[in-house]
Amino acid sequence: MKKILYIFLALSFLGCDNDDKLADESVIIRNGEESQSLNLQNDLDKYLDETFAKPYNIQILYRFLEREISRIYTYTPTKYNKAIEFANVFNYLFIEPYVKLTSKPFMKEHSFNTLILIGEPAFNPTGTKLVGLAAAGIKIHLTDINHLEPNNIYWLNDNILATLYHENAHTWHQAKLYTTDYEKISASDYKNDRWVNEWNLNTKNYLRAGFITAYSSFDHDEDFVELLARYIVYYNATLDCNCATTDSSLDTNGDGFNDALYTAWKAKFSNYGNLISEDYTPYESTSVWEEVLKKADRKIRPTETYTGKQKIEQKIAIMKKYLQDEWNINLDELRAEIRSRYPYVAGKTFDGVPVQRKDFTRLTR
């Protein structure tokens, strides 16, 4: 399995071994008698075991384990309270929606099996922040957990959830292949390890080649899972805005949406949190699907038959059919279920009406 690296840029996102589990039966032996138990499970350990390990075979490791990290980067342990917040967010915005659209047995069989939480961000030699490291959808390292913002949906999307949706989709295509028609769409533009240097991240010319992110151009599998993750976390005017119109007097720019309603819809994005990240760049998950595709509505080279927008639309159509036919998953329904939970993360509806905000700081059973 190849090792992939998620790099967090302003322009794009990114069952374990038995000895990984704390053994609460470990003891100190003195004079042939058991004297003191080691590694007693605390409340979080029990919650992780009961909520994720037993039903889904998903191990969440928050203690610092030397064998689970690479010394290429400097890592920091995760704080106990932040591990609790992560566990609750993970359950609410990943496990529960996926189980609702599939089933508990499905999740147990078709999901990654190990999450390793790292407290502080890791950086590569160029100073770029690493969101996570993953091994082909099986074992995932998530960084920066000590700075987790549990009620900021955009922070969660950019730093955690897009990665989880991405990695989980790997387990699906590894079990059942999607049609080769997908990879043919952008076949001449996959870059493998050269993807980092092949694209202009300022102009986002990868969009014109039919890639939703620069990393999508690594290969067709990464293209597939990146596209799925972005489809979930991006806003979508066609699905979300309810402002489509054929009246050209109301749609002066020809995008198919009522100008006034569209502008008012976008103004409500702030009800789910600050649109700007801590480094003063827009969160990627505040992007609008149709606006991104509009930037892709050109050909990467004159000899191409299709624009990047047309290629992305072709890929999405193949993806939706594959998920429905092979897994009985409606991608739009999965996306809607996940996003229906956003108000309770932010403490406001999309329209700004206060609702009971989820308290991710306490363990609940």
Protein backbone atom coordinates (compact mmCIF):
# COMPACT_ATOMS: atom_id res chain seq x y z
CA MET A 1 0.00 0.00 0.00
CA LYS A 2 1.41 3.33 -0.96
CA LYS A 3 1.78 6.00 1.64
CA ILE A 4 0.08 9.26 0.87
CA LEU A 5 0.63 12.67 2.33
CA TYR A 6 -2.03 15.31 2.85
CA ILE A 7 -0.71 18.85 2.59
CA PHE A 8 -2.86 21.65 3.93
CA LEU A 9 -2.51 24.56 1.50
CA ALA A 10 -4.70 27.60 1.25
CA LEU A 11 -5.75 26.20 -2.09
CA SER A 12 -6.45 22.55 -1.31
CA PHE A 13 -7.08 20.12 1.51
CA LEU A 14 -5.74 16.95 1.90
CA GLY A 15 -8.33 -3.37 12.70
CA CYS A 16 -5.05 -2.33 14.18
CA ASP A 17 -2.60 -4.77 15.71
CA ASN A 18 -3.79 -6.26 18.96
CA ASP A 19 -0.88 -4.75 20.88
CA ASP A 20 -2.13 -1.27 20.03
CA LYS A 21 -4.98 -1.73 22.47
CA LEU A 22 -4.32 -0.92 26.11
CA ALA A 23 -4.41 -4.10 28.10
CA ASP A 24 -6.34 -3.44 31.28
CA GLU A 25 -5.43 -6.91 32.51
CA SER A 26 -1.69 -6.10 32.70
CA VAL A 27 -0.39 -6.39 36.26
CA ILE A 28 2.70 -6.09 38.42
CA ILE A 29 3.69 -9.43 39.99
CA ARG A 30 5.27 -9.30 43.45
CA ASN A 31 6.19 -12.50 45.29
CA GLY A 32 4.11 -14.49 42.88
CA GLU A 33 0.96 -12.44 43.52
CA GLU A 34 -0.79 -9.80 41.47
CA SER A 35 -0.08 -6.47 43.11
CA GLN A 36 -1.28 -3.65 40.91
CA SER A 37 -3.00 -3.40 37.55
CA LEU A 38 -1.31 -1.43 34.82
CA ASN A 39 -2.98 0.54 32.03
CA LEU A 40 -6.38 0.65 33.71
CA GLN A 41 -8.94 1.94 31.26
CA ASN A 42 -10.14 5.45 31.95
CA ASP A 43 -13.54 6.77 30.88
CA LEU A 44 -12.28 7.77 27.44
CA ASP A 45 -10.69 4.36 26.83
CA LYS A 46 -13.98 2.68 27.69
CA TYR A 47 -15.92 5.05 25.44
CA LEU A 48 -13.60 4.46 22.50
CA ASP A 49 -13.80 0.72 23.02
CA GLU A 50 -17.59 0.58 23.31
CA THR A 51 -18.43 3.21 20.70
CA PHE A 52 -15.92 2.46 17.95
CA ALA A 53 -13.70 -0.59 18.54
CA LYS A 54 -16.31 -3.21 19.37
CA PRO A 55 -19.07 -2.26 16.91
CA TYR A 56 -16.89 -1.07 14.00
CA ASN A 57 -13.36 -2.38 14.62
CA ILE A 58 -12.08 1.21 14.50
CA GLN A 59 -9.24 1.84 16.94
CA ILE A 60 -8.61 5.44 18.02
CA LEU A 61 -5.15 5.87 19.53
CA TYR A 62 -4.58 9.13 21.38
CA ARG A 63 -1.68 8.10 23.61
CA PHE A 64 1.81 8.68 22.25
CA LEU A 65 3.09 5.41 20.76
CA GLU A 66 6.64 5.47 19.42
CA ARG A 67 6.04 2.65 16.95
CA GLU A 68 3.10 4.51 15.38
CA ILE A 69 4.93 7.66 14.34
CA SER A 70 7.62 8.62 11.87
CA ARG A 71 10.67 10.50 13.05
CA ILE A 72 10.67 12.45 9.80
CA TYR A 73 8.38 14.89 11.60
CA THR A 74 8.22 16.25 15.13
CA TYR A 75 5.04 15.03 16.81
CA THR A 76 3.34 16.04 20.05
CA PRO A 77 0.90 13.97 22.15
CA THR A 78 -2.81 14.75 22.13
CA LYS A 79 -4.38 16.32 25.20
CA TYR A 80 -6.96 14.17 26.95
CA ASN A 81 -9.75 16.75 26.67
CA LYS A 82 -9.07 17.24 22.96
CA ALA A 83 -9.21 13.49 22.38
CA ILE A 84 -12.67 13.53 23.96
CA GLU A 85 -13.77 16.33 21.64
CA PHE A 86 -12.44 14.46 18.64
CA ALA A 87 -14.23 11.25 19.61
CA ASN A 88 -17.55 13.06 19.90
CA VAL A 89 -17.11 14.95 16.63
CA PHE A 90 -16.06 11.75 14.87
CA ASN A 91 -19.15 9.95 16.11
CA TYR A 92 -21.57 12.76 15.24
CA LEU A 93 -20.27 13.84 11.84
CA PHE A 94 -18.81 10.61 10.51
CA ILE A 95 -20.03 7.42 12.16
CA GLU A 96 -23.70 8.29 12.70
CA PRO A 97 -24.41 9.69 9.20
CA TYR A 98 -22.64 6.81 7.47
CA VAL A 99 -24.42 4.20 9.59
CA LYS A 100 -27.77 5.87 8.94
CA LEU A 101 -27.22 5.65 5.17
CA THR A 102 -25.74 2.13 5.30
CA SER A 103 -25.67 -0.05 8.43
CA LYS A 104 -23.47 -0.99 11.36
CA PRO A 105 -22.25 -4.21 9.69
CA PHE A 106 -21.42 -2.22 6.55
CA MET A 107 -19.35 0.28 8.54
CA LYS A 108 -17.50 -2.51 10.30
CA GLU A 109 -16.57 -4.15 7.03
CA HIS A 110 -15.99 -1.07 4.88
CA SER A 111 -14.07 1.60 6.76
CA PHE A 112 -10.53 2.39 7.85
CA ASN A 113 -9.50 0.64 11.05
CA THR A 114 -7.04 2.88 12.89
CA LEU A 115 -6.99 6.58 13.71
CA ILE A 116 -3.86 7.94 15.38
CA LEU A 117 -4.27 11.37 16.92
CA ILE A 118 -1.30 13.77 16.98
CA GLY A 119 -1.53 16.86 19.16
CA GLU A 120 0.30 19.55 17.20
CA PRO A 121 0.67 20.11 13.48
CA ALA A 122 3.57 18.58 11.62
CA PHE A 123 5.42 20.47 8.91
CA ASN A 124 7.46 19.35 5.96
CA PRO A 125 10.85 20.98 5.18
CA THR A 126 9.19 23.73 3.12
CA GLY A 127 7.09 24.78 6.10
CA THR A 128 3.84 23.41 4.73
CA LYS A 129 1.38 22.15 7.34
CA LEU A 130 0.47 18.47 7.19
CA VAL A 131 -3.17 17.66 7.90
CA GLY A 132 -2.50 13.94 8.06
CA LEU A 133 -0.68 10.87 6.88
CA ALA A 134 -2.46 7.79 5.64
CA ALA A 135 -1.71 4.30 4.35
CA ALA A 136 -4.15 3.47 1.54
CA GLY A 137 -7.28 4.13 3.55
CA ILE A 138 -6.42 1.82 6.46
CA LYS A 139 -4.36 3.65 9.11
CA ILE A 140 -4.69 7.41 9.40
CA HIS A 141 -2.61 9.91 11.38
CA LEU A 142 -4.49 13.15 12.10
CA THR A 143 -2.46 16.13 13.29
CA ASP A 144 -3.23 19.39 15.11
CA ILE A 145 -5.84 17.77 17.36
CA ASN A 146 -4.79 19.97 20.31
CA HIS A 147 -6.15 22.93 18.34
CA LEU A 148 -9.39 21.24 17.35
CA GLU A 149 -12.32 23.67 17.18
CA PRO A 150 -15.28 21.36 17.90
CA ASN A 151 -18.01 23.88 17.06
CA ASN A 152 -16.38 25.37 13.96
CA ILE A 153 -17.70 23.32 11.06
CA TYR A 154 -15.26 24.85 8.57
CA TRP A 155 -12.23 24.04 10.74
CA LEU A 156 -13.53 20.50 11.17
CA ASN A 157 -14.14 20.07 7.45
CA ASP A 158 -10.77 21.40 6.37
CA ASN A 159 -8.66 19.73 9.03
CA ILE A 160 -10.43 16.44 9.81
CA LEU A 161 -13.63 15.52 8.01
CA ALA A 162 -12.53 15.90 4.40
CA THR A 163 -9.63 13.58 5.19
CA LEU A 164 -11.96 11.02 6.79
CA TYR A 165 -14.44 11.09 3.91
CA HIS A 166 -11.50 10.76 1.51
CA GLU A 167 -9.92 7.81 3.30
CA ASN A 168 -13.16 5.95 3.86
CA ALA A 169 -13.94 6.12 0.14
CA HIS A 170 -10.66 4.29 -0.51
CA THR A 171 -12.06 1.24 1.28
CA TRP A 172 -15.04 1.18 -1.10
CA HIS A 173 -13.16 1.23 -4.39
CA GLN A 174 -10.60 -1.23 -3.02
CA ALA A 175 -13.43 -3.71 -2.41
CA LYS A 176 -15.34 -3.08 -5.65
CA LEU A 177 -13.76 -1.36 -8.61
CA TYR A 178 -15.51 1.54 -10.31
CA THR A 179 -15.64 1.51 -14.11
CA THR A 180 -12.45 2.25 -16.03
CA ASP A 181 -14.39 4.96 -17.85
CA TYR A 182 -13.62 7.17 -14.84
CA GLU A 183 -9.85 7.11 -15.23
CA LYS A 184 -10.06 7.64 -18.98
CA ILE A 185 -11.57 11.10 -18.54
CA SER A 186 -8.31 12.71 -17.34
CA ALA A 187 -5.95 9.87 -18.25
CA SER A 188 -3.32 12.05 -19.91
CA ASP A 189 -2.97 14.39 -16.93
CA TYR A 190 -2.32 12.15 -13.91
CA LYS A 191 1.03 13.15 -12.40
CA ASN A 192 1.83 10.65 -9.62
CA ASP A 193 4.50 12.11 -7.32
CA ARG A 194 5.02 15.06 -9.65
CA TRP A 195 1.64 16.58 -8.77
CA VAL A 196 3.15 19.01 -6.24
CA ASN A 197 5.22 20.82 -8.89
CA GLU A 198 3.13 20.29 -12.01
CA TRP A 199 0.33 22.75 -11.26
CA ASN A 200 0.11 26.49 -10.65
CA LEU A 201 -1.69 26.77 -7.33
CA ASN A 202 -2.38 30.45 -7.89
CA THR A 203 -4.25 29.94 -11.16
CA LYS A 204 -5.57 26.50 -10.14
CA ASN A 205 -4.96 25.23 -13.66
CA TYR A 206 -5.53 21.68 -12.41
CA LEU A 207 -9.24 22.52 -12.55
CA ARG A 208 -9.05 22.87 -16.33
CA ALA A 209 -7.68 19.32 -16.48
CA GLY A 210 -10.74 18.06 -14.60
CA PHE A 211 -9.24 17.78 -11.09
CA ILE A 212 -11.05 19.23 -8.10
CA THR A 213 -7.73 19.65 -6.23
CA ALA A 214 -4.11 19.48 -7.31
CA TYR A 215 -3.64 16.28 -5.31
CA SER A 216 -6.48 14.67 -7.28
CA SER A 217 -4.03 14.39 -10.16
CA PHE A 218 -1.86 11.86 -8.27
CA ASP A 219 -3.80 8.97 -9.84
CA HIS A 220 -7.37 7.97 -10.61
CA ASP A 221 -8.03 6.51 -7.14
CA GLU A 222 -6.94 9.71 -5.40
CA ASP A 223 -8.94 11.64 -7.96
CA PHE A 224 -12.02 9.60 -7.07
CA VAL A 225 -11.80 10.00 -3.30
CA GLU A 226 -10.76 13.67 -3.41
CA LEU A 227 -13.75 14.47 -5.60
CA LEU A 228 -16.11 12.62 -3.28
CA ALA A 229 -14.81 14.44 -0.20
CA ARG A 230 -15.07 17.88 -1.82
CA TYR A 231 -18.56 17.15 -3.09
CA ILE A 232 -19.63 16.57 0.51
CA VAL A 233 -17.92 19.53 2.18
CA TYR A 234 -18.41 22.22 -0.49
CA TYR A 235 -21.59 24.25 -0.60
CA ASN A 236 -23.76 23.46 -3.60
CA ALA A 237 -26.09 26.13 -4.95
CA THR A 238 -28.13 23.64 -6.96
CA LEU A 239 -28.81 21.53 -3.88
CA ASP A 240 -28.70 24.11 -1.10
CA CYS A 241 -29.72 27.54 -2.36
CA ASN A 242 -33.23 27.05 -3.76
CA CYS A 243 -32.61 30.04 -5.99
CA ALA A 244 -32.55 28.61 -9.52
CA THR A 245 -34.27 30.71 -12.17
CA THR A 246 -34.70 30.89 -15.92
CA ASP A 247 -35.64 34.58 -15.77
CA SER A 248 -32.72 36.48 -17.29
CA SER A 249 -33.88 39.70 -15.65
CA LEU A 250 -33.23 38.07 -12.26
CA ASP A 251 -30.09 36.26 -13.40
CA THR A 252 -27.89 38.91 -14.97
CA ASN A 253 -24.68 36.85 -14.96
CA GLY A 254 -26.21 33.76 -16.55
CA ASP A 255 -25.29 31.27 -13.83
CA GLY A 256 -28.85 29.98 -13.54
CA PHE A 257 -29.48 31.53 -10.13
CA ASN A 258 -31.46 34.52 -8.96
CA ASP A 259 -28.79 37.14 -8.25
CA ALA A 260 -30.42 38.58 -5.13
CA LEU A 261 -31.31 35.22 -3.61
CA TYR A 262 -27.87 33.82 -4.37
CA THR A 263 -26.14 36.77 -2.71
CA ALA A 264 -28.39 36.48 0.35
CA TRP A 265 -27.71 32.73 0.52
CA LYS A 266 -23.94 33.21 0.53
CA ALA A 267 -24.22 35.87 3.24
CA LYS A 268 -25.62 33.20 5.55
CA PHE A 269 -22.44 31.09 5.39
CA SER A 270 -21.10 33.07 8.35
CA ASN A 271 -23.85 31.63 10.58
CA TYR A 272 -21.87 28.41 10.62
CA GLY A 273 -18.67 30.14 11.70
CA ASN A 274 -15.89 32.47 10.68
CA LEU A 275 -15.18 32.11 6.96
CA ILE A 276 -11.48 32.93 7.39
CA SER A 277 -8.98 30.54 8.97
CA GLU A 278 -6.37 31.42 11.56
CA ASP A 279 -3.83 32.11 8.82
CA TYR A 280 -6.22 34.63 7.22
CA THR A 281 -7.15 32.49 4.24
CA PRO A 282 -10.68 31.34 3.39
CA TYR A 283 -11.57 27.88 4.59
CA GLU A 284 -11.77 25.63 1.57
CA SER A 285 -15.07 24.18 2.77
CA THR A 286 -16.69 27.60 2.28
CA SER A 287 -16.25 27.04 -1.47
CA VAL A 288 -19.31 26.73 -3.70
CA TRP A 289 -19.35 23.75 -6.07
CA GLU A 290 -20.70 25.73 -9.01
CA GLU A 291 -18.18 28.54 -8.55
CA VAL A 292 -15.32 26.07 -8.51
CA LEU A 293 -16.62 24.40 -11.65
CA LYS A 294 -16.97 27.77 -13.35
CA LYS A 295 -13.20 28.24 -12.89
CA ALA A 296 -12.80 24.82 -14.50
CA ASP A 297 -14.88 25.76 -17.55
CA ARG A 298 -11.89 25.92 -19.91
CA LYS A 299 -9.80 23.34 -21.72
CA ILE A 300 -6.39 22.44 -20.37
CA ARG A 301 -5.14 22.39 -23.99
CA PRO A 302 -6.80 23.29 -27.30
CA THR A 303 -6.81 19.68 -28.49
CA GLU A 304 -9.03 18.52 -25.63
CA THR A 305 -12.63 17.55 -26.36
CA TYR A 306 -13.97 18.64 -22.98
CA THR A 307 -13.43 21.46 -20.51
CA GLY A 308 -12.37 20.73 -16.97
CA LYS A 309 -15.91 21.43 -15.80
CA GLN A 310 -17.34 18.87 -18.19
CA LYS A 311 -14.76 16.31 -17.06
CA ILE A 312 -15.61 16.85 -13.38
CA GLU A 313 -19.31 16.54 -14.15
CA GLN A 314 -18.67 13.29 -16.01
CA LYS A 315 -16.70 11.94 -13.06
CA ILE A 316 -19.41 12.85 -10.56
CA ALA A 317 -22.03 11.11 -12.69
CA ILE A 318 -19.93 7.94 -12.80
CA MET A 319 -19.26 8.15 -9.07
CA LYS A 320 -22.92 8.53 -8.14
CA LYS A 321 -23.93 5.60 -10.31
CA TYR A 322 -21.14 3.45 -8.88
CA LEU A 323 -22.10 4.23 -5.28
CA GLN A 324 -25.78 3.57 -5.98
CA ASP A 325 -25.30 0.39 -8.01
CA GLU A 326 -22.49 -1.21 -6.01
CA TRP A 327 -23.18 0.00 -2.46
CA ASN A 328 -26.77 1.28 -2.51
CA ILE A 329 -25.48 4.68 -1.33
CA ASN A 330 -27.05 7.87 -2.63
CA LEU A 331 -24.25 10.42 -2.47
CA ASP A 332 -26.63 13.39 -2.28
CA GLU A 333 -28.52 11.77 0.59
CA LEU A 334 -25.27 11.07 2.45
CA ARG A 335 -24.18 14.66 1.94
CA ALA A 336 -27.57 15.97 3.10
CA GLU A 337 -27.50 13.83 6.24
CA ILE A 338 -24.05 15.06 7.19
CA ARG A 339 -24.93 18.70 6.56
CA SER A 340 -28.23 18.45 8.44
CA ARG A 341 -26.10 18.22 11.59
CA TYR A 342 -24.22 21.46 11.00
CA PRO A 343 -26.67 23.67 12.93
CA TYR A 344 -26.13 21.64 16.10
CA VAL A 345 -22.38 21.96 15.69
CA ALA A 346 -22.52 25.74 15.21
CA GLY A 347 -25.43 26.40 17.60
CA LYS A 348 -27.38 28.16 14.83
CA THR A 349 -29.46 27.16 11.87
CA PHE A 350 -28.22 28.20 8.46
CA ASP A 351 -30.58 31.17 8.73
CA GLY A 352 -29.05 32.19 12.06
CA VAL A 353 -31.77 30.97 14.43
CA PRO A 354 -30.21 29.73 17.70
CA VAL A 355 -30.48 26.00 18.40
CA GLN A 356 -29.04 23.79 21.12
CA ARG A 357 -25.35 23.43 20.36
CA LYS A 358 -23.73 20.04 20.77
CA ASP A 359 -21.42 19.80 23.76
CA PHE A 360 -18.48 17.82 22.45
CA THR A 361 -16.49 18.22 25.68
CA ARG A 362 -18.31 15.49 27.65
CA LEU A 363 -18.50 11.79 27.08
CA THR A 364 -22.07 10.55 26.72
CA ARG A 365 -23.28 7.01 26.32
